[in-house]
Amino acid sequence: YFPERGCISVSVVVDAQPSLEIGMVGREGMLGGHTLLAG
């Protein structure tokens, strides 16, 4: 995904705790870059 308007929250869950936001993606970037690294 390449957002043009809006914002995406990126989070992880550690040890069944509430999720922890580790970043945001907006019009400056993309979501799914891990696929570039064979993910």
PDB file of all heavy atoms in Angstrom:
ATOM      1  N   TYR A   1       0.837  -1.204   0.000  1.00  0.00           N
ATOM      2  CA  TYR A   1       0.000   0.000   0.000  1.00  0.00           C
ATOM      3  C   TYR A   1       0.868   1.248   0.000  1.00  0.00           C
ATOM      4  O   TYR A   1       1.845   1.325   0.754  1.00  0.00           O
ATOM      5  CB  TYR A   1      -0.898   0.025   1.240  1.00  0.00           C
ATOM      6  CG  TYR A   1      -1.857  -1.128   1.324  1.00  0.00           C
ATOM      7  CD1 TYR A   1      -1.483  -2.328   1.945  1.00  0.00           C
ATOM      8  CD2 TYR A   1      -3.133  -1.042   0.794  1.00  0.00           C
ATOM      9  CE1 TYR A   1      -2.356  -3.391   2.034  1.00  0.00           C
ATOM     10  CE2 TYR A   1      -4.023  -2.107   0.869  1.00  0.00           C
ATOM     11  CZ  TYR A   1      -3.622  -3.277   1.489  1.00  0.00           C
ATOM     12  OH  TYR A   1      -4.493  -4.332   1.576  1.00  0.00           O
ATOM     13  N   PHE A   2       0.471   2.231  -0.796  1.00  0.00           N
ATOM     14  CA  PHE A   2       1.112   3.531  -0.853  1.00  0.00           C
ATOM     15  C   PHE A   2       0.046   4.579  -0.547  1.00  0.00           C
ATOM     16  O   PHE A   2      -0.685   5.000  -1.459  1.00  0.00           O
ATOM     17  CB  PHE A   2       1.723   3.776  -2.245  1.00  0.00           C
ATOM     18  CG  PHE A   2       2.830   2.829  -2.607  1.00  0.00           C
ATOM     19  CD1 PHE A   2       2.566   1.621  -3.242  1.00  0.00           C
ATOM     20  CD2 PHE A   2       4.150   3.148  -2.310  1.00  0.00           C
ATOM     21  CE1 PHE A   2       3.582   0.748  -3.585  1.00  0.00           C
ATOM     22  CE2 PHE A   2       5.183   2.272  -2.647  1.00  0.00           C
ATOM     23  CZ  PHE A   2       4.899   1.072  -3.278  1.00  0.00           C
ATOM     24  N   PRO A   3      -0.088   4.983   0.722  1.00  0.00           N
ATOM     25  CA  PRO A   3      -1.128   5.971   1.059  1.00  0.00           C
ATOM     26  C   PRO A   3      -0.896   7.299   0.333  1.00  0.00           C
ATOM     27  O   PRO A   3       0.235   7.758   0.206  1.00  0.00           O
ATOM     28  CB  PRO A   3      -0.972   6.161   2.568  1.00  0.00           C
ATOM     29  CG  PRO A   3      -0.268   4.926   3.035  1.00  0.00           C
ATOM     30  CD  PRO A   3       0.627   4.523   1.908  1.00  0.00           C
ATOM     31  N   GLU A   4      -1.986   7.879  -0.132  1.00  0.00           N
ATOM     32  CA  GLU A   4      -1.935   9.203  -0.744  1.00  0.00           C
ATOM     33  C   GLU A   4      -2.574  10.243   0.179  1.00  0.00           C
ATOM     34  O   GLU A   4      -2.243  11.414   0.113  1.00  0.00           O
ATOM     35  CB  GLU A   4      -2.647   9.200  -2.092  1.00  0.00           C
ATOM     36  CG  GLU A   4      -1.922   8.332  -3.107  1.00  0.00           C
ATOM     37  CD  GLU A   4      -2.501   8.473  -4.495  1.00  0.00           C
ATOM     38  OE1 GLU A   4      -3.732   8.339  -4.659  1.00  0.00           O
ATOM     39  OE2 GLU A   4      -1.714   8.726  -5.412  1.00  0.00           O
ATOM     40  N   ARG A   5      -3.482   9.790   0.999  1.00  0.00           N
ATOM     41  CA  ARG A   5      -4.134  10.630   1.995  1.00  0.00           C
ATOM     42  C   ARG A   5      -4.573   9.698   3.116  1.00  0.00           C
ATOM     43  O   ARG A   5      -5.032   8.598   2.862  1.00  0.00           O
ATOM     44  CB  ARG A   5      -5.345  11.326   1.361  1.00  0.00           C
ATOM     45  CG  ARG A   5      -5.918  12.445   2.187  1.00  0.00           C
ATOM     46  CD  ARG A   5      -7.119  13.110   1.525  1.00  0.00           C
ATOM     47  NE  ARG A   5      -8.262  12.191   1.548  1.00  0.00           N
ATOM     48  CZ  ARG A   5      -8.840  11.662   0.486  1.00  0.00           C
ATOM     49  NH1 ARG A   5      -8.391  11.938  -0.720  1.00  0.00           N
ATOM     50  NH2 ARG A   5      -9.858  10.843   0.595  1.00  0.00           N
ATOM     51  N   GLY A   6      -4.396  10.109   4.361  1.00  0.00           N
ATOM     52  CA  GLY A   6      -4.761   9.268   5.489  1.00  0.00           C
ATOM     53  C   GLY A   6      -3.529   8.732   6.196  1.00  0.00           C
ATOM     54  O   GLY A   6      -2.403   9.088   5.857  1.00  0.00           O
ATOM     55  N   CYS A   7      -3.754   7.855   7.145  1.00  0.00           N
ATOM     56  CA  CYS A   7      -2.664   7.386   7.992  1.00  0.00           C
ATOM     57  C   CYS A   7      -2.934   5.950   8.449  1.00  0.00           C
ATOM     58  O   CYS A   7      -4.068   5.603   8.797  1.00  0.00           O
ATOM     59  CB  CYS A   7      -2.550   8.316   9.195  1.00  0.00           C
ATOM     60  SG  CYS A   7      -1.189   7.978  10.288  1.00  0.00           S
ATOM     61  N   ILE A   8      -1.886   5.152   8.459  1.00  0.00           N
ATOM     62  CA  ILE A   8      -1.963   3.752   8.892  1.00  0.00           C
ATOM     63  C   ILE A   8      -1.112   3.589  10.142  1.00  0.00           C
ATOM     64  O   ILE A   8       0.042   4.018  10.173  1.00  0.00           O
ATOM     65  CB  ILE A   8      -1.440   2.811   7.783  1.00  0.00           C
ATOM     66  CG1 ILE A   8      -2.235   2.986   6.495  1.00  0.00           C
ATOM     67  CG2 ILE A   8      -1.462   1.354   8.257  1.00  0.00           C
ATOM     68  CD1 ILE A   8      -1.582   2.358   5.272  1.00  0.00           C
ATOM     69  N   SER A   9      -1.675   2.965  11.164  1.00  0.00           N
ATOM     70  CA  SER A   9      -0.951   2.663  12.395  1.00  0.00           C
ATOM     71  C   SER A   9      -0.363   1.264  12.291  1.00  0.00           C
ATOM     72  O   SER A   9      -1.069   0.309  11.942  1.00  0.00           O
ATOM     73  CB  SER A   9      -1.900   2.739  13.598  1.00  0.00           C
ATOM     74  OG  SER A   9      -1.260   2.302  14.773  1.00  0.00           O
ATOM     75  N   VAL A  10       0.925   1.143  12.590  1.00  0.00           N
ATOM     76  CA  VAL A  10       1.622  -0.149  12.539  1.00  0.00           C
ATOM     77  C   VAL A  10       1.947  -0.553  13.969  1.00  0.00           C
ATOM     78  O   VAL A  10       2.547   0.220  14.719  1.00  0.00           O
ATOM     79  CB  VAL A  10       2.919  -0.036  11.698  1.00  0.00           C
ATOM     80  CG1 VAL A  10       3.652  -1.364  11.668  1.00  0.00           C
ATOM     81  CG2 VAL A  10       2.599   0.452  10.293  1.00  0.00           C
ATOM     82  N   SER A  11       1.536  -1.759  14.358  1.00  0.00           N
ATOM     83  CA  SER A  11       1.723  -2.174  15.749  1.00  0.00           C
ATOM     84  C   SER A  11       2.121  -3.641  15.856  1.00  0.00           C
ATOM     85  O   SER A  11       1.995  -4.407  14.901  1.00  0.00           O
ATOM     86  CB  SER A  11       0.431  -1.925  16.548  1.00  0.00           C
ATOM     87  OG  SER A  11      -0.635  -2.682  16.007  1.00  0.00           O
ATOM     88  N   VAL A  12       2.621  -3.983  17.045  1.00  0.00           N
ATOM     89  CA  VAL A  12       2.984  -5.358  17.365  1.00  0.00           C
ATOM     90  C   VAL A  12       2.378  -5.717  18.718  1.00  0.00           C
ATOM     91  O   VAL A  12       2.078  -4.849  19.525  1.00  0.00           O
ATOM     92  CB  VAL A  12       4.521  -5.563  17.418  1.00  0.00           C
ATOM     93  CG1 VAL A  12       5.144  -5.329  16.057  1.00  0.00           C
ATOM     94  CG2 VAL A  12       5.156  -4.682  18.458  1.00  0.00           C
ATOM     95  N   VAL A  13       2.214  -7.002  18.929  1.00  0.00           N
ATOM     96  CA  VAL A  13       1.766  -7.505  20.224  1.00  0.00           C
ATOM     97  C   VAL A  13       2.916  -8.317  20.803  1.00  0.00           C
ATOM     98  O   VAL A  13       3.477  -9.182  20.132  1.00  0.00           O
ATOM     99  CB  VAL A  13       0.500  -8.381  20.091  1.00  0.00           C
ATOM    100  CG1 VAL A  13       0.119  -8.992  21.424  1.00  0.00           C
ATOM    101  CG2 VAL A  13      -0.652  -7.559  19.526  1.00  0.00           C
ATOM    102  N   VAL A  14       3.281  -8.011  22.041  1.00  0.00           N
ATOM    103  CA  VAL A  14       4.370  -8.715  22.710  1.00  0.00           C
ATOM    104  C   VAL A  14       3.824  -9.372  23.974  1.00  0.00           C
ATOM    105  O   VAL A  14       3.213  -8.701  24.810  1.00  0.00           O
ATOM    106  CB  VAL A  14       5.518  -7.740  23.069  1.00  0.00           C
ATOM    107  CG1 VAL A  14       6.639  -8.465  23.786  1.00  0.00           C
ATOM    108  CG2 VAL A  14       6.044  -7.056  21.814  1.00  0.00           C
ATOM    109  N   ASP A  15       4.035 -10.666  24.106  1.00  0.00           N
ATOM    110  CA  ASP A  15       3.637 -11.406  25.304  1.00  0.00           C
ATOM    111  C   ASP A  15       2.178 -11.184  25.686  1.00  0.00           C
ATOM    112  O   ASP A  15       1.847 -10.977  26.850  1.00  0.00           O
ATOM    113  CB  ASP A  15       4.534 -11.034  26.487  1.00  0.00           C
ATOM    114  CG  ASP A  15       5.978 -11.443  26.257  1.00  0.00           C
ATOM    115  OD1 ASP A  15       6.204 -12.405  25.499  1.00  0.00           O
ATOM    116  OD2 ASP A  15       6.870 -10.799  26.836  1.00  0.00           O
ATOM    117  N   ALA A  16       1.271 -11.203  24.711  1.00  0.00           N
ATOM    118  CA  ALA A  16      -0.164 -11.081  24.923  1.00  0.00           C
ATOM    119  C   ALA A  16      -0.565  -9.781  25.631  1.00  0.00           C
ATOM    120  O   ALA A  16      -1.644  -9.681  26.193  1.00  0.00           O
ATOM    121  CB  ALA A  16      -0.702 -12.295  25.686  1.00  0.00           C
ATOM    122  N   GLN A  17       0.288  -8.781  25.593  1.00  0.00           N
ATOM    123  CA  GLN A  17      -0.037  -7.458  26.136  1.00  0.00           C
ATOM    124  C   GLN A  17      -0.829  -6.691  25.080  1.00  0.00           C
ATOM    125  O   GLN A  17      -0.896  -7.097  23.930  1.00  0.00           O
ATOM    126  CB  GLN A  17       1.255  -6.694  26.490  1.00  0.00           C
ATOM    127  CG  GLN A  17       2.104  -7.357  27.547  1.00  0.00           C
ATOM    128  CD  GLN A  17       1.423  -7.352  28.905  1.00  0.00           C
ATOM    129  OE1 GLN A  17       0.850  -6.357  29.308  1.00  0.00           O
ATOM    130  NE2 GLN A  17       1.474  -8.484  29.591  1.00  0.00           N
ATOM    131  N   PRO A  18      -1.436  -5.557  25.466  1.00  0.00           N
ATOM    132  CA  PRO A  18      -2.092  -4.738  24.435  1.00  0.00           C
ATOM    133  C   PRO A  18      -1.084  -4.346  23.357  1.00  0.00           C
ATOM    134  O   PRO A  18       0.117  -4.246  23.618  1.00  0.00           O
ATOM    135  CB  PRO A  18      -2.564  -3.505  25.213  1.00  0.00           C
ATOM    136  CG  PRO A  18      -2.683  -3.974  26.639  1.00  0.00           C
ATOM    137  CD  PRO A  18      -1.605  -5.013  26.809  1.00  0.00           C
ATOM    138  N   SER A  19      -1.578  -4.126  22.153  1.00  0.00           N
ATOM    139  CA  SER A  19      -0.670  -3.822  21.044  1.00  0.00           C
ATOM    140  C   SER A  19       0.107  -2.537  21.308  1.00  0.00           C
ATOM    141  O   SER A  19      -0.351  -1.635  21.991  1.00  0.00           O
ATOM    142  CB  SER A  19      -1.440  -3.713  19.727  1.00  0.00           C
ATOM    143  OG  SER A  19      -2.325  -2.634  19.756  1.00  0.00           O
ATOM    144  N   LEU A  20       1.302  -2.491  20.738  1.00  0.00           N
ATOM    145  CA  LEU A  20       2.207  -1.356  20.889  1.00  0.00           C
ATOM    146  C   LEU A  20       2.461  -0.780  19.502  1.00  0.00           C
ATOM    147  O   LEU A  20       2.956  -1.487  18.622  1.00  0.00           O
ATOM    148  CB  LEU A  20       3.525  -1.808  21.516  1.00  0.00           C
ATOM    149  CG  LEU A  20       4.628  -0.763  21.626  1.00  0.00           C
ATOM    150  CD1 LEU A  20       4.227   0.321  22.618  1.00  0.00           C
ATOM    151  CD2 LEU A  20       5.924  -1.424  22.051  1.00  0.00           C
ATOM    152  N   GLU A  21       2.099   0.498  19.313  1.00  0.00           N
ATOM    153  CA  GLU A  21       2.338   1.126  18.024  1.00  0.00           C
ATOM    154  C   GLU A  21       3.828   1.369  17.844  1.00  0.00           C
ATOM    155  O   GLU A  21       4.469   1.953  18.703  1.00  0.00           O
ATOM    156  CB  GLU A  21       1.580   2.448  17.925  1.00  0.00           C
ATOM    157  CG  GLU A  21       1.693   3.072  16.546  1.00  0.00           C
ATOM    158  CD  GLU A  21       0.866   4.320  16.418  1.00  0.00           C
ATOM    159  OE1 GLU A  21       1.338   5.381  16.881  1.00  0.00           O
ATOM    160  OE2 GLU A  21      -0.233   4.223  15.861  1.00  0.00           O
ATOM    161  N   ILE A  22       4.355   0.889  16.719  1.00  0.00           N
ATOM    162  CA  ILE A  22       5.784   1.064  16.438  1.00  0.00           C
ATOM    163  C   ILE A  22       6.026   2.014  15.273  1.00  0.00           C
ATOM    164  O   ILE A  22       7.170   2.285  14.930  1.00  0.00           O
ATOM    165  CB  ILE A  22       6.480  -0.286  16.171  1.00  0.00           C
ATOM    166  CG1 ILE A  22       5.849  -0.994  14.974  1.00  0.00           C
ATOM    167  CG2 ILE A  22       6.455  -1.157  17.415  1.00  0.00           C
ATOM    168  CD1 ILE A  22       6.626  -2.183  14.471  1.00  0.00           C
ATOM    169  N   GLY A  23       4.961   2.498  14.679  1.00  0.00           N
ATOM    170  CA  GLY A  23       5.127   3.435  13.582  1.00  0.00           C
ATOM    171  C   GLY A  23       3.822   3.795  12.931  1.00  0.00           C
ATOM    172  O   GLY A  23       2.765   3.250  13.259  1.00  0.00           O
ATOM    173  N   MET A  24       3.912   4.748  12.034  1.00  0.00           N
ATOM    174  CA  MET A  24       2.783   5.188  11.224  1.00  0.00           C
ATOM    175  C   MET A  24       3.257   5.303   9.787  1.00  0.00           C
ATOM    176  O   MET A  24       4.416   5.592   9.531  1.00  0.00           O
ATOM    177  CB  MET A  24       2.293   6.565  11.669  1.00  0.00           C
ATOM    178  CG  MET A  24       1.644   6.604  13.005  1.00  0.00           C
ATOM    179  SD  MET A  24       1.083   8.299  13.301  1.00  0.00           S
ATOM    180  CE  MET A  24       1.102   8.285  15.080  1.00  0.00           C
ATOM    181  N   VAL A  25       2.331   5.074   8.884  1.00  0.00           N
ATOM    182  CA  VAL A  25       2.626   5.232   7.465  1.00  0.00           C
ATOM    183  C   VAL A  25       1.588   6.180   6.885  1.00  0.00           C
ATOM    184  O   VAL A  25       0.387   5.991   7.083  1.00  0.00           O
ATOM    185  CB  VAL A  25       2.568   3.893   6.708  1.00  0.00           C
ATOM    186  CG1 VAL A  25       2.874   4.092   5.233  1.00  0.00           C
ATOM    187  CG2 VAL A  25       3.500   2.870   7.321  1.00  0.00           C
ATOM    188  N   GLY A  26       2.067   7.181   6.200  1.00  0.00           N
ATOM    189  CA  GLY A  26       1.199   8.119   5.507  1.00  0.00           C
ATOM    190  C   GLY A  26       1.691   8.310   4.090  1.00  0.00           C
ATOM    191  O   GLY A  26       2.334   7.432   3.514  1.00  0.00           O
ATOM    192  N   ARG A  27       1.453   9.493   3.571  1.00  0.00           N
ATOM    193  CA  ARG A  27       1.787   9.788   2.172  1.00  0.00           C
ATOM    194  C   ARG A  27       3.284   9.796   1.895  1.00  0.00           C
ATOM    195  O   ARG A  27       3.707   9.880   0.748  1.00  0.00           O
ATOM    196  CB  ARG A  27       1.156  11.104   1.751  1.00  0.00           C
ATOM    197  CG  ARG A  27       1.592  12.271   2.572  1.00  0.00           C
ATOM    198  CD  ARG A  27       0.692  13.494   2.351  1.00  0.00           C
ATOM    199  NE  ARG A  27       1.055  14.521   3.299  1.00  0.00           N
ATOM    200  CZ  ARG A  27       1.960  15.455   3.076  1.00  0.00           C
ATOM    201  NH1 ARG A  27       2.557  15.515   1.906  1.00  0.00           N
ATOM    202  NH2 ARG A  27       2.254  16.339   3.993  1.00  0.00           N
ATOM    203  N   GLU A  28       4.116   9.669   2.960  1.00  0.00           N
ATOM    204  CA  GLU A  28       5.567   9.649   2.772  1.00  0.00           C
ATOM    205  C   GLU A  28       6.106   8.260   2.465  1.00  0.00           C
ATOM    206  O   GLU A  28       7.266   8.124   2.087  1.00  0.00           O
ATOM    207  CB  GLU A  28       6.276  10.187   4.033  1.00  0.00           C
ATOM    208  CG  GLU A  28       6.502   9.165   5.125  1.00  0.00           C
ATOM    209  CD  GLU A  28       5.235   8.562   5.737  1.00  0.00           C
ATOM    210  OE1 GLU A  28       4.173   9.199   5.706  1.00  0.00           O
ATOM    211  OE2 GLU A  28       5.316   7.438   6.244  1.00  0.00           O
ATOM    212  N   GLY A  29       5.293   7.208   2.623  1.00  0.00           N
ATOM    213  CA  GLY A  29       5.877   5.868   2.537  1.00  0.00           C
ATOM    214  C   GLY A  29       4.956   4.800   2.014  1.00  0.00           C
ATOM    215  O   GLY A  29       4.072   5.036   1.199  1.00  0.00           O
ATOM    216  N   MET A  30       5.187   3.599   2.532  1.00  0.00           N
ATOM    217  CA  MET A  30       4.433   2.435   2.072  1.00  0.00           C
ATOM    218  C   MET A  30       4.275   1.414   3.192  1.00  0.00           C
ATOM    219  O   MET A  30       5.023   1.415   4.165  1.00  0.00           O
ATOM    220  CB  MET A  30       5.140   1.767   0.897  1.00  0.00           C
ATOM    221  CG  MET A  30       6.411   1.029   1.290  1.00  0.00           C
ATOM    222  SD  MET A  30       7.179   0.069  -0.042  1.00  0.00           S
ATOM    223  CE  MET A  30       5.980  -1.199  -0.351  1.00  0.00           C
ATOM    224  N   LEU A  31       3.314   0.548   3.027  1.00  0.00           N
ATOM    225  CA  LEU A  31       3.108  -0.598   3.908  1.00  0.00           C
ATOM    226  C   LEU A  31       3.326  -1.845   3.054  1.00  0.00           C
ATOM    227  O   LEU A  31       2.772  -1.949   1.961  1.00  0.00           O
ATOM    228  CB  LEU A  31       1.689  -0.598   4.475  1.00  0.00           C
ATOM    229  CG  LEU A  31       1.320  -1.780   5.359  1.00  0.00           C
ATOM    230  CD1 LEU A  31       2.107  -1.749   6.666  1.00  0.00           C
ATOM    231  CD2 LEU A  31      -0.181  -1.798   5.638  1.00  0.00           C
ATOM    232  N   GLY A  32       4.145  -2.762   3.541  1.00  0.00           N
ATOM    233  CA  GLY A  32       4.393  -4.007   2.816  1.00  0.00           C
ATOM    234  C   GLY A  32       5.804  -4.122   2.290  1.00  0.00           C
ATOM    235  O   GLY A  32       6.108  -5.013   1.496  1.00  0.00           O
ATOM    236  N   GLY A  33       6.688  -3.258   2.749  1.00  0.00           N
ATOM    237  CA  GLY A  33       8.073  -3.279   2.286  1.00  0.00           C
ATOM    238  C   GLY A  33       8.798  -4.580   2.602  1.00  0.00           C
ATOM    239  O   GLY A  33       9.773  -4.923   1.926  1.00  0.00           O
ATOM    240  N   HIS A  34       8.309  -5.324   3.592  1.00  0.00           N
ATOM    241  CA  HIS A  34       8.958  -6.597   3.948  1.00  0.00           C
ATOM    242  C   HIS A  34       8.957  -7.577   2.782  1.00  0.00           C
ATOM    243  O   HIS A  34       9.800  -8.456   2.704  1.00  0.00           O
ATOM    244  CB  HIS A  34       8.267  -7.222   5.169  1.00  0.00           C
ATOM    245  CG  HIS A  34       6.844  -7.602   4.898  1.00  0.00           C
ATOM    246  ND1 HIS A  34       5.817  -6.672   4.918  1.00  0.00           N
ATOM    247  CD2 HIS A  34       6.275  -8.786   4.589  1.00  0.00           C
ATOM    248  CE1 HIS A  34       4.674  -7.287   4.629  1.00  0.00           C
ATOM    249  NE2 HIS A  34       4.932  -8.572   4.428  1.00  0.00           N
ATOM    250  N   THR A  35       8.027  -7.399   1.833  1.00  0.00           N
ATOM    251  CA  THR A  35       7.979  -8.302   0.682  1.00  0.00           C
ATOM    252  C   THR A  35       9.226  -8.158  -0.186  1.00  0.00           C
ATOM    253  O   THR A  35       9.628  -9.114  -0.852  1.00  0.00           O
ATOM    254  CB  THR A  35       6.720  -8.045  -0.163  1.00  0.00           C
ATOM    255  OG1 THR A  35       6.722  -6.686  -0.621  1.00  0.00           O
ATOM    256  CG2 THR A  35       5.461  -8.315   0.638  1.00  0.00           C
ATOM    257  N   LEU A  36       9.842  -6.991  -0.150  1.00  0.00           N
ATOM    258  CA  LEU A  36      11.090  -6.752  -0.868  1.00  0.00           C
ATOM    259  C   LEU A  36      12.200  -7.670  -0.363  1.00  0.00           C
ATOM    260  O   LEU A  36      13.107  -8.036  -1.102  1.00  0.00           O
ATOM    261  CB  LEU A  36      11.491  -5.284  -0.682  1.00  0.00           C
ATOM    262  CG  LEU A  36      12.782  -4.798  -1.294  1.00  0.00           C
ATOM    263  CD1 LEU A  36      12.604  -4.588  -2.796  1.00  0.00           C
ATOM    264  CD2 LEU A  36      13.213  -3.501  -0.656  1.00  0.00           C
ATOM    265  N   LEU A  37      12.108  -8.048   0.907  1.00  0.00           N
ATOM    266  CA  LEU A  37      13.129  -8.886   1.547  1.00  0.00           C
ATOM    267  C   LEU A  37      12.692 -10.347   1.607  1.00  0.00           C
ATOM    268  O   LEU A  37      13.136 -11.092   2.475  1.00  0.00           O
ATOM    269  CB  LEU A  37      13.405  -8.360   2.959  1.00  0.00           C
ATOM    270  CG  LEU A  37      13.782  -6.882   3.047  1.00  0.00           C
ATOM    271  CD1 LEU A  37      13.841  -6.427   4.493  1.00  0.00           C
ATOM    272  CD2 LEU A  37      15.102  -6.644   2.337  1.00  0.00           C
ATOM    273  N   ALA A  38      11.799 -10.746   0.720  1.00  0.00           N
ATOM    274  CA  ALA A  38      11.307 -12.120   0.617  1.00  0.00           C
ATOM    275  C   ALA A  38      10.322 -12.489   1.717  1.00  0.00           C
ATOM    276  O   ALA A  38      10.035 -13.657   1.916  1.00  0.00           O
ATOM    277  CB  ALA A  38      12.453 -13.137   0.555  1.00  0.00           C
ATOM    278  N   GLY A  39       9.804 -11.514   2.429  1.00  0.00           N
ATOM    279  CA  GLY A  39       8.769 -11.786   3.431  1.00  0.00           C
ATOM    280  C   GLY A  39       7.437 -11.999   2.752  1.00  0.00           C
ATOM    281  O   GLY A  39       7.009 -11.173   1.951  1.00  0.00           O
TER     282      GLY A  39
END
